[in-house]
């Protein structure tokens, strides 16, 4: 019997978010922020590799600090 817990790796989450209207958009994306983002009409969608929903949400908030997170769903 083993006491090792095997956590899944390589998880991805779809994050939906809203961007503020009528303001200058601040983007802080760096080389370590390796995910695709689609922005249309003040709404954004990103597929983010993370270890959990909170981590995925935090990555989006880091890149778009003024955004509002709407939903975070795991991609199976």
PDB file of N, CA and C in Angstrom:
ATOM      1  N   UNK A   1       0.845  -1.173   0.000  1.00  0.00           N
ATOM      2  CA  UNK A   1       0.000   0.000   0.000  1.00  0.00           C
ATOM      3  C   UNK A   1       0.891   1.237   0.000  1.00  0.00           C
ATOM      4  N   UNK A   2       0.466   2.248  -0.750  1.00  0.00           N
ATOM      5  CA  UNK A   2       1.258   3.460  -0.899  1.00  0.00           C
ATOM      6  C   UNK A   2       0.516   4.658  -0.315  1.00  0.00           C
ATOM      7  N   UNK A   3       1.262   5.569   0.293  1.00  0.00           N
ATOM      8  CA  UNK A   3       0.678   6.785   0.844  1.00  0.00           C
ATOM      9  C   UNK A   3       0.852   7.968  -0.097  1.00  0.00           C
ATOM     10  N   UNK A   4       1.149   7.708  -1.347  1.00  0.00           N
ATOM     11  CA  UNK A   4       1.367   8.771  -2.322  1.00  0.00           C
ATOM     12  C   UNK A   4       0.035   9.127  -2.976  1.00  0.00           C
ATOM     13  N   UNK A   5      -0.271  10.419  -3.004  1.00  0.00           N
ATOM     14  CA  UNK A   5      -1.482  10.904  -3.651  1.00  0.00           C
ATOM     15  C   UNK A   5      -1.084  11.449  -5.015  1.00  0.00           C
ATOM     16  N   UNK A   6      -1.727  10.950  -6.039  1.00  0.00           N
ATOM     17  CA  UNK A   6      -1.408  11.364  -7.407  1.00  0.00           C
ATOM     18  C   UNK A   6      -2.434  12.402  -7.864  1.00  0.00           C
ATOM     19  N   UNK A   7      -2.021  13.674  -7.920  1.00  0.00           N
ATOM     20  CA  UNK A   7      -2.894  14.737  -8.379  1.00  0.00           C
ATOM     21  C   UNK A   7      -2.749  14.887  -9.878  1.00  0.00           C
ATOM     22  N   UNK A   8      -3.855  15.136 -10.574  1.00  0.00           N
ATOM     23  CA  UNK A   8      -3.777  15.305 -12.023  1.00  0.00           C
ATOM     24  C   UNK A   8      -3.010  16.568 -12.400  1.00  0.00           C
ATOM     25  N   UNK A   9      -2.276  16.494 -13.484  1.00  0.00           N
ATOM     26  CA  UNK A   9      -1.562  17.660 -13.994  1.00  0.00           C
ATOM     27  C   UNK A   9      -2.050  17.943 -15.397  1.00  0.00           C
ATOM     28  N   UNK A  10      -1.717  19.080 -15.918  1.00  0.00           N
ATOM     29  CA  UNK A  10      -2.125  19.418 -17.270  1.00  0.00           C
ATOM     30  C   UNK A  10      -3.583  19.830 -17.368  1.00  0.00           C
ATOM     31  N   UNK A  11      -4.168  20.299 -16.272  1.00  0.00           N
ATOM     32  CA  UNK A  11      -5.555  20.741 -16.286  1.00  0.00           C
ATOM     33  C   UNK A  11      -5.679  22.099 -16.952  1.00  0.00           C
ATOM     34  N   UNK A  12      -6.803  22.308 -17.649  1.00  0.00           N
ATOM     35  CA  UNK A  12      -7.073  23.596 -18.275  1.00  0.00           C
ATOM     36  C   UNK A  12      -8.471  24.042 -17.885  1.00  0.00           C
ATOM     37  N   UNK A  13      -8.635  25.356 -17.782  1.00  0.00           N
ATOM     38  CA  UNK A  13      -9.907  25.938 -17.409  1.00  0.00           C
ATOM     39  C   UNK A  13     -10.303  27.010 -18.401  1.00  0.00           C
ATOM     40  N   UNK A  14     -11.610  27.069 -18.716  1.00  0.00           N
ATOM     41  CA  UNK A  14     -12.132  28.146 -19.550  1.00  0.00           C
ATOM     42  C   UNK A  14     -12.622  29.237 -18.606  1.00  0.00           C
ATOM     43  N   UNK A  15     -12.065  30.437 -18.766  1.00  0.00           N
ATOM     44  CA  UNK A  15     -12.421  31.562 -17.905  1.00  0.00           C
ATOM     45  C   UNK A  15     -13.138  32.608 -18.749  1.00  0.00           C
ATOM     46  N   UNK A  16     -14.346  32.961 -18.328  1.00  0.00           N
ATOM     47  CA  UNK A  16     -15.108  34.024 -18.970  1.00  0.00           C
ATOM     48  C   UNK A  16     -15.016  35.257 -18.083  1.00  0.00           C
ATOM     49  N   UNK A  17     -14.780  36.413 -18.699  1.00  0.00           N
ATOM     50  CA  UNK A  17     -14.635  37.635 -17.912  1.00  0.00           C
ATOM     51  C   UNK A  17     -15.147  38.836 -18.682  1.00  0.00           C
ATOM     52  N   UNK A  18     -15.482  39.884 -17.940  1.00  0.00           N
ATOM     53  CA  UNK A  18     -15.929  41.152 -18.505  1.00  0.00           C
ATOM     54  C   UNK A  18     -14.846  42.193 -18.294  1.00  0.00           C
ATOM     55  N   UNK A  19     -14.681  43.046 -19.283  1.00  0.00           N
ATOM     56  CA  UNK A  19     -13.724  44.145 -19.197  1.00  0.00           C
ATOM     57  C   UNK A  19     -14.484  45.445 -18.988  1.00  0.00           C
ATOM     58  N   UNK A  20     -13.888  46.410 -18.297  1.00  0.00           N
ATOM     59  CA  UNK A  20     -14.595  47.681 -18.063  1.00  0.00           C
ATOM     60  C   UNK A  20     -14.810  48.436 -19.367  1.00  0.00           C
ATOM     61  N   UNK A  21     -15.937  49.122 -19.465  1.00  0.00           N
ATOM     62  CA  UNK A  21     -16.232  49.912 -20.663  1.00  0.00           C
ATOM     63  C   UNK A  21     -15.903  51.369 -20.398  1.00  0.00           C
ATOM     64  N   UNK A  22     -15.494  52.052 -21.440  1.00  0.00           N
ATOM     65  CA  UNK A  22     -15.197  53.470 -21.325  1.00  0.00           C
ATOM     66  C   UNK A  22     -13.911  53.797 -20.602  1.00  0.00           C
ATOM     67  N   UNK A  23     -13.054  52.819 -20.400  1.00  0.00           N
ATOM     68  CA  UNK A  23     -11.782  53.032 -19.706  1.00  0.00           C
ATOM     69  C   UNK A  23     -10.643  52.483 -20.563  1.00  0.00           C
ATOM     70  N   UNK A  24      -9.446  52.916 -20.253  1.00  0.00           N
ATOM     71  CA  UNK A  24      -8.262  52.381 -20.918  1.00  0.00           C
ATOM     72  C   UNK A  24      -8.012  50.981 -20.362  1.00  0.00           C
ATOM     73  N   UNK A  25      -7.795  50.038 -21.253  1.00  0.00           N
ATOM     74  CA  UNK A  25      -7.571  48.654 -20.864  1.00  0.00           C
ATOM     75  C   UNK A  25      -6.110  48.447 -20.490  1.00  0.00           C
ATOM     76  N   UNK A  26      -5.877  47.958 -19.289  1.00  0.00           N
ATOM     77  CA  UNK A  26      -4.530  47.703 -18.798  1.00  0.00           C
ATOM     78  C   UNK A  26      -4.245  46.205 -18.951  1.00  0.00           C
ATOM     79  N   UNK A  27      -3.182  45.859 -19.694  1.00  0.00           N
ATOM     80  CA  UNK A  27      -2.810  44.462 -19.916  1.00  0.00           C
ATOM     81  C   UNK A  27      -1.392  44.253 -19.406  1.00  0.00           C
ATOM     82  N   UNK A  28      -1.221  43.276 -18.515  1.00  0.00           N
ATOM     83  CA  UNK A  28       0.081  42.964 -17.927  1.00  0.00           C
ATOM     84  C   UNK A  28       0.538  41.565 -18.320  1.00  0.00           C
ATOM     85  N   UNK A  29       0.444  41.201 -19.582  1.00  0.00           N
ATOM     86  CA  UNK A  29       0.809  39.847 -20.018  1.00  0.00           C
ATOM     87  C   UNK A  29       2.314  39.756 -20.223  1.00  0.00           C
ATOM     88  N   UNK A  30       2.897  38.747 -19.598  1.00  0.00           N
ATOM     89  CA  UNK A  30       4.329  38.506 -19.717  1.00  0.00           C
ATOM     90  C   UNK A  30       4.593  37.178 -20.390  1.00  0.00           C
ATOM     91  N   UNK A  31       5.856  36.817 -20.576  1.00  0.00           N
ATOM     92  CA  UNK A  31       6.209  35.571 -21.262  1.00  0.00           C
ATOM     93  C   UNK A  31       5.744  34.312 -20.524  1.00  0.00           C
ATOM     94  N   UNK A  32       5.555  34.386 -19.200  1.00  0.00           N
ATOM     95  CA  UNK A  32       5.106  33.213 -18.451  1.00  0.00           C
ATOM     96  C   UNK A  32       3.590  33.033 -18.504  1.00  0.00           C
ATOM     97  N   UNK A  33       2.867  33.999 -19.064  1.00  0.00           N
ATOM     98  CA  UNK A  33       1.418  33.917 -19.206  1.00  0.00           C
ATOM     99  C   UNK A  33       1.082  33.300 -20.559  1.00  0.00           C
ATOM    100  N   UNK A  34       1.233  31.986 -20.636  1.00  0.00           N
ATOM    101  CA  UNK A  34       1.089  31.267 -21.896  1.00  0.00           C
ATOM    102  C   UNK A  34      -0.328  30.701 -22.026  1.00  0.00           C
ATOM    103  N   UNK A  35      -1.270  31.547 -22.470  1.00  0.00           N
ATOM    104  CA  UNK A  35      -2.622  31.100 -22.723  1.00  0.00           C
ATOM    105  C   UNK A  35      -3.248  31.983 -23.789  1.00  0.00           C
ATOM    106  N   UNK A  36      -4.265  31.448 -24.452  1.00  0.00           N
ATOM    107  CA  UNK A  36      -4.949  32.165 -25.524  1.00  0.00           C
ATOM    108  C   UNK A  36      -6.111  32.964 -24.958  1.00  0.00           C
ATOM    109  N   UNK A  37      -6.282  34.181 -25.458  1.00  0.00           N
ATOM    110  CA  UNK A  37      -7.353  35.067 -25.023  1.00  0.00           C
ATOM    111  C   UNK A  37      -8.122  35.547 -26.246  1.00  0.00           C
ATOM    112  N   UNK A  38      -9.448  35.550 -26.137  1.00  0.00           N
ATOM    113  CA  UNK A  38     -10.318  36.108 -27.164  1.00  0.00           C
ATOM    114  C   UNK A  38     -11.138  37.215 -26.516  1.00  0.00           C
ATOM    115  N   UNK A  39     -11.083  38.419 -27.102  1.00  0.00           N
ATOM    116  CA  UNK A  39     -11.821  39.562 -26.566  1.00  0.00           C
ATOM    117  C   UNK A  39     -12.754  40.073 -27.653  1.00  0.00           C
ATOM    118  N   UNK A  40     -14.022  40.276 -27.276  1.00  0.00           N
ATOM    119  CA  UNK A  40     -15.007  40.781 -28.226  1.00  0.00           C
ATOM    120  C   UNK A  40     -16.063  41.580 -27.468  1.00  0.00           C
ATOM    121  N   UNK A  41     -16.198  42.845 -27.807  1.00  0.00           N
ATOM    122  CA  UNK A  41     -17.253  43.675 -27.233  1.00  0.00           C
ATOM    123  C   UNK A  41     -17.248  43.793 -25.726  1.00  0.00           C
ATOM    124  N   UNK A  42     -16.092  43.884 -25.118  1.00  0.00           N
ATOM    125  CA  UNK A  42     -16.014  44.043 -23.670  1.00  0.00           C
ATOM    126  C   UNK A  42     -16.068  42.748 -22.884  1.00  0.00           C
ATOM    127  N   UNK A  43     -16.141  41.624 -23.589  1.00  0.00           N
ATOM    128  CA  UNK A  43     -16.164  40.316 -22.937  1.00  0.00           C
ATOM    129  C   UNK A  43     -14.947  39.528 -23.387  1.00  0.00           C
ATOM    130  N   UNK A  44     -14.406  38.732 -22.487  1.00  0.00           N
ATOM    131  CA  UNK A  44     -13.243  37.939 -22.827  1.00  0.00           C
ATOM    132  C   UNK A  44     -13.424  36.483 -22.459  1.00  0.00           C
ATOM    133  N   UNK A  45     -12.681  35.653 -23.161  1.00  0.00           N
ATOM    134  CA  UNK A  45     -12.655  34.221 -22.890  1.00  0.00           C
ATOM    135  C   UNK A  45     -11.221  33.760 -23.023  1.00  0.00           C
ATOM    136  N   UNK A  46     -10.771  32.944 -22.076  1.00  0.00           N
ATOM    137  CA  UNK A  46      -9.401  32.439 -22.107  1.00  0.00           C
ATOM    138  C   UNK A  46      -9.394  30.976 -21.686  1.00  0.00           C
ATOM    139  N   UNK A  47      -8.486  30.212 -22.274  1.00  0.00           N
ATOM    140  CA  UNK A  47      -8.233  28.836 -21.850  1.00  0.00           C
ATOM    141  C   UNK A  47      -6.897  28.866 -21.127  1.00  0.00           C
ATOM    142  N   UNK A  48      -6.951  28.589 -19.818  1.00  0.00           N
ATOM    143  CA  UNK A  48      -5.802  28.797 -18.937  1.00  0.00           C
ATOM    144  C   UNK A  48      -5.361  27.479 -18.304  1.00  0.00           C
ATOM    145  N   UNK A  49      -4.076  27.114 -18.440  1.00  0.00           N
ATOM    146  CA  UNK A  49      -3.578  25.959 -17.687  1.00  0.00           C
ATOM    147  C   UNK A  49      -3.369  26.363 -16.227  1.00  0.00           C
ATOM    148  N   UNK A  50      -3.946  25.598 -15.314  1.00  0.00           N
ATOM    149  CA  UNK A  50      -3.833  25.909 -13.885  1.00  0.00           C
ATOM    150  C   UNK A  50      -4.132  24.657 -13.068  1.00  0.00           C
ATOM    151  N   UNK A  51      -3.814  24.711 -11.791  1.00  0.00           N
ATOM    152  CA  UNK A  51      -4.055  23.568 -10.923  1.00  0.00           C
ATOM    153  C   UNK A  51      -5.437  23.606 -10.282  1.00  0.00           C
ATOM    154  N   UNK A  52      -6.180  24.704 -10.480  1.00  0.00           N
ATOM    155  CA  UNK A  52      -7.524  24.810  -9.923  1.00  0.00           C
ATOM    156  C   UNK A  52      -8.222  26.057 -10.429  1.00  0.00           C
ATOM    157  N   UNK A  53      -9.507  26.180 -10.070  1.00  0.00           N
ATOM    158  CA  UNK A  53     -10.297  27.328 -10.516  1.00  0.00           C
ATOM    159  C   UNK A  53      -9.734  28.645 -10.005  1.00  0.00           C
ATOM    160  N   UNK A  54      -9.303  28.667  -8.763  1.00  0.00           N
ATOM    161  CA  UNK A  54      -8.759  29.893  -8.179  1.00  0.00           C
ATOM    162  C   UNK A  54      -7.477  30.303  -8.885  1.00  0.00           C
ATOM    163  N   UNK A  55      -6.623  29.349  -9.192  1.00  0.00           N
ATOM    164  CA  UNK A  55      -5.383  29.645  -9.912  1.00  0.00           C
ATOM    165  C   UNK A  55      -5.644  30.196 -11.299  1.00  0.00           C
ATOM    166  N   UNK A  56      -6.628  29.626 -12.004  1.00  0.00           N
ATOM    167  CA  UNK A  56      -6.985  30.112 -13.335  1.00  0.00           C
ATOM    168  C   UNK A  56      -7.522  31.532 -13.257  1.00  0.00           C
ATOM    169  N   UNK A  57      -8.387  31.775 -12.297  1.00  0.00           N
ATOM    170  CA  UNK A  57      -8.950  33.108 -12.103  1.00  0.00           C
ATOM    171  C   UNK A  57      -7.865  34.124 -11.765  1.00  0.00           C
ATOM    172  N   UNK A  58      -6.936  33.736 -10.910  1.00  0.00           N
ATOM    173  CA  UNK A  58      -5.844  34.637 -10.516  1.00  0.00           C
ATOM    174  C   UNK A  58      -4.938  34.993 -11.696  1.00  0.00           C
ATOM    175  N   UNK A  59      -4.716  34.031 -12.593  1.00  0.00           N
ATOM    176  CA  UNK A  59      -3.883  34.321 -13.772  1.00  0.00           C
ATOM    177  C   UNK A  59      -4.538  35.371 -14.656  1.00  0.00           C
ATOM    178  N   UNK A  60      -5.856  35.283 -14.833  1.00  0.00           N
ATOM    179  CA  UNK A  60      -6.564  36.271 -15.641  1.00  0.00           C
ATOM    180  C   UNK A  60      -6.545  37.628 -14.946  1.00  0.00           C
ATOM    181  N   UNK A  61      -6.769  37.657 -13.637  1.00  0.00           N
ATOM    182  CA  UNK A  61      -6.754  38.922 -12.882  1.00  0.00           C
ATOM    183  C   UNK A  61      -5.379  39.576 -12.910  1.00  0.00           C
ATOM    184  N   UNK A  62      -4.317  38.766 -12.999  1.00  0.00           N
ATOM    185  CA  UNK A  62      -2.961  39.315 -13.092  1.00  0.00           C
ATOM    186  C   UNK A  62      -2.764  40.033 -14.420  1.00  0.00           C
ATOM    187  N   UNK A  63      -3.266  39.413 -15.504  1.00  0.00           N
ATOM    188  CA  UNK A  63      -3.093  39.987 -16.839  1.00  0.00           C
ATOM    189  C   UNK A  63      -4.044  41.156 -17.067  1.00  0.00           C
ATOM    190  N   UNK A  64      -5.301  41.000 -16.637  1.00  0.00           N
ATOM    191  CA  UNK A  64      -6.317  42.054 -16.789  1.00  0.00           C
ATOM    192  C   UNK A  64      -6.807  42.460 -15.397  1.00  0.00           C
ATOM    193  N   UNK A  65      -6.074  43.326 -14.688  1.00  0.00           N
ATOM    194  CA  UNK A  65      -6.401  43.621 -13.294  1.00  0.00           C
ATOM    195  C   UNK A  65      -7.766  44.280 -13.071  1.00  0.00           C
ATOM    196  N   UNK A  66      -8.334  44.918 -14.082  1.00  0.00           N
ATOM    197  CA  UNK A  66      -9.624  45.585 -13.901  1.00  0.00           C
ATOM    198  C   UNK A  66     -10.801  44.744 -14.388  1.00  0.00           C
ATOM    199  N   UNK A  67     -10.569  43.484 -14.738  1.00  0.00           N
ATOM    200  CA  UNK A  67     -11.654  42.650 -15.251  1.00  0.00           C
ATOM    201  C   UNK A  67     -12.494  42.075 -14.117  1.00  0.00           C
ATOM    202  N   UNK A  68     -13.687  41.633 -14.488  1.00  0.00           N
ATOM    203  CA  UNK A  68     -14.592  40.955 -13.567  1.00  0.00           C
ATOM    204  C   UNK A  68     -14.731  39.514 -14.050  1.00  0.00           C
ATOM    205  N   UNK A  69     -14.370  38.548 -13.211  1.00  0.00           N
ATOM    206  CA  UNK A  69     -14.476  37.136 -13.570  1.00  0.00           C
ATOM    207  C   UNK A  69     -15.951  36.738 -13.504  1.00  0.00           C
ATOM    208  N   UNK A  70     -16.452  36.152 -14.583  1.00  0.00           N
ATOM    209  CA  UNK A  70     -17.850  35.742 -14.654  1.00  0.00           C
ATOM    210  C   UNK A  70     -17.996  34.262 -14.318  1.00  0.00           C
ATOM    211  N   UNK A  71     -17.131  33.431 -14.919  1.00  0.00           N
ATOM    212  CA  UNK A  71     -17.255  31.995 -14.748  1.00  0.00           C
ATOM    213  C   UNK A  71     -15.924  31.307 -15.022  1.00  0.00           C
ATOM    214  N   UNK A  72     -15.658  30.234 -14.269  1.00  0.00           N
ATOM    215  CA  UNK A  72     -14.472  29.415 -14.483  1.00  0.00           C
ATOM    216  C   UNK A  72     -14.933  27.962 -14.522  1.00  0.00           C
ATOM    217  N   UNK A  73     -14.677  27.286 -15.649  1.00  0.00           N
ATOM    218  CA  UNK A  73     -15.097  25.896 -15.830  1.00  0.00           C
ATOM    219  C   UNK A  73     -13.915  25.036 -16.253  1.00  0.00           C
ATOM    220  N   UNK A  74     -13.814  23.830 -15.697  1.00  0.00           N
ATOM    221  CA  UNK A  74     -12.759  22.926 -16.153  1.00  0.00           C
ATOM    222  C   UNK A  74     -13.067  22.410 -17.547  1.00  0.00           C
ATOM    223  N   UNK A  75     -12.021  22.202 -18.341  1.00  0.00           N
ATOM    224  CA  UNK A  75     -12.150  21.613 -19.663  1.00  0.00           C
ATOM    225  C   UNK A  75     -11.731  20.156 -19.548  1.00  0.00           C
ATOM    226  N   UNK A  76     -12.626  19.290 -19.927  1.00  0.00           N
ATOM    227  CA  UNK A  76     -12.357  17.840 -19.797  1.00  0.00           C
ATOM    228  C   UNK A  76     -11.782  17.289 -21.062  1.00  0.00           C
TER     229      UNK A  76
END
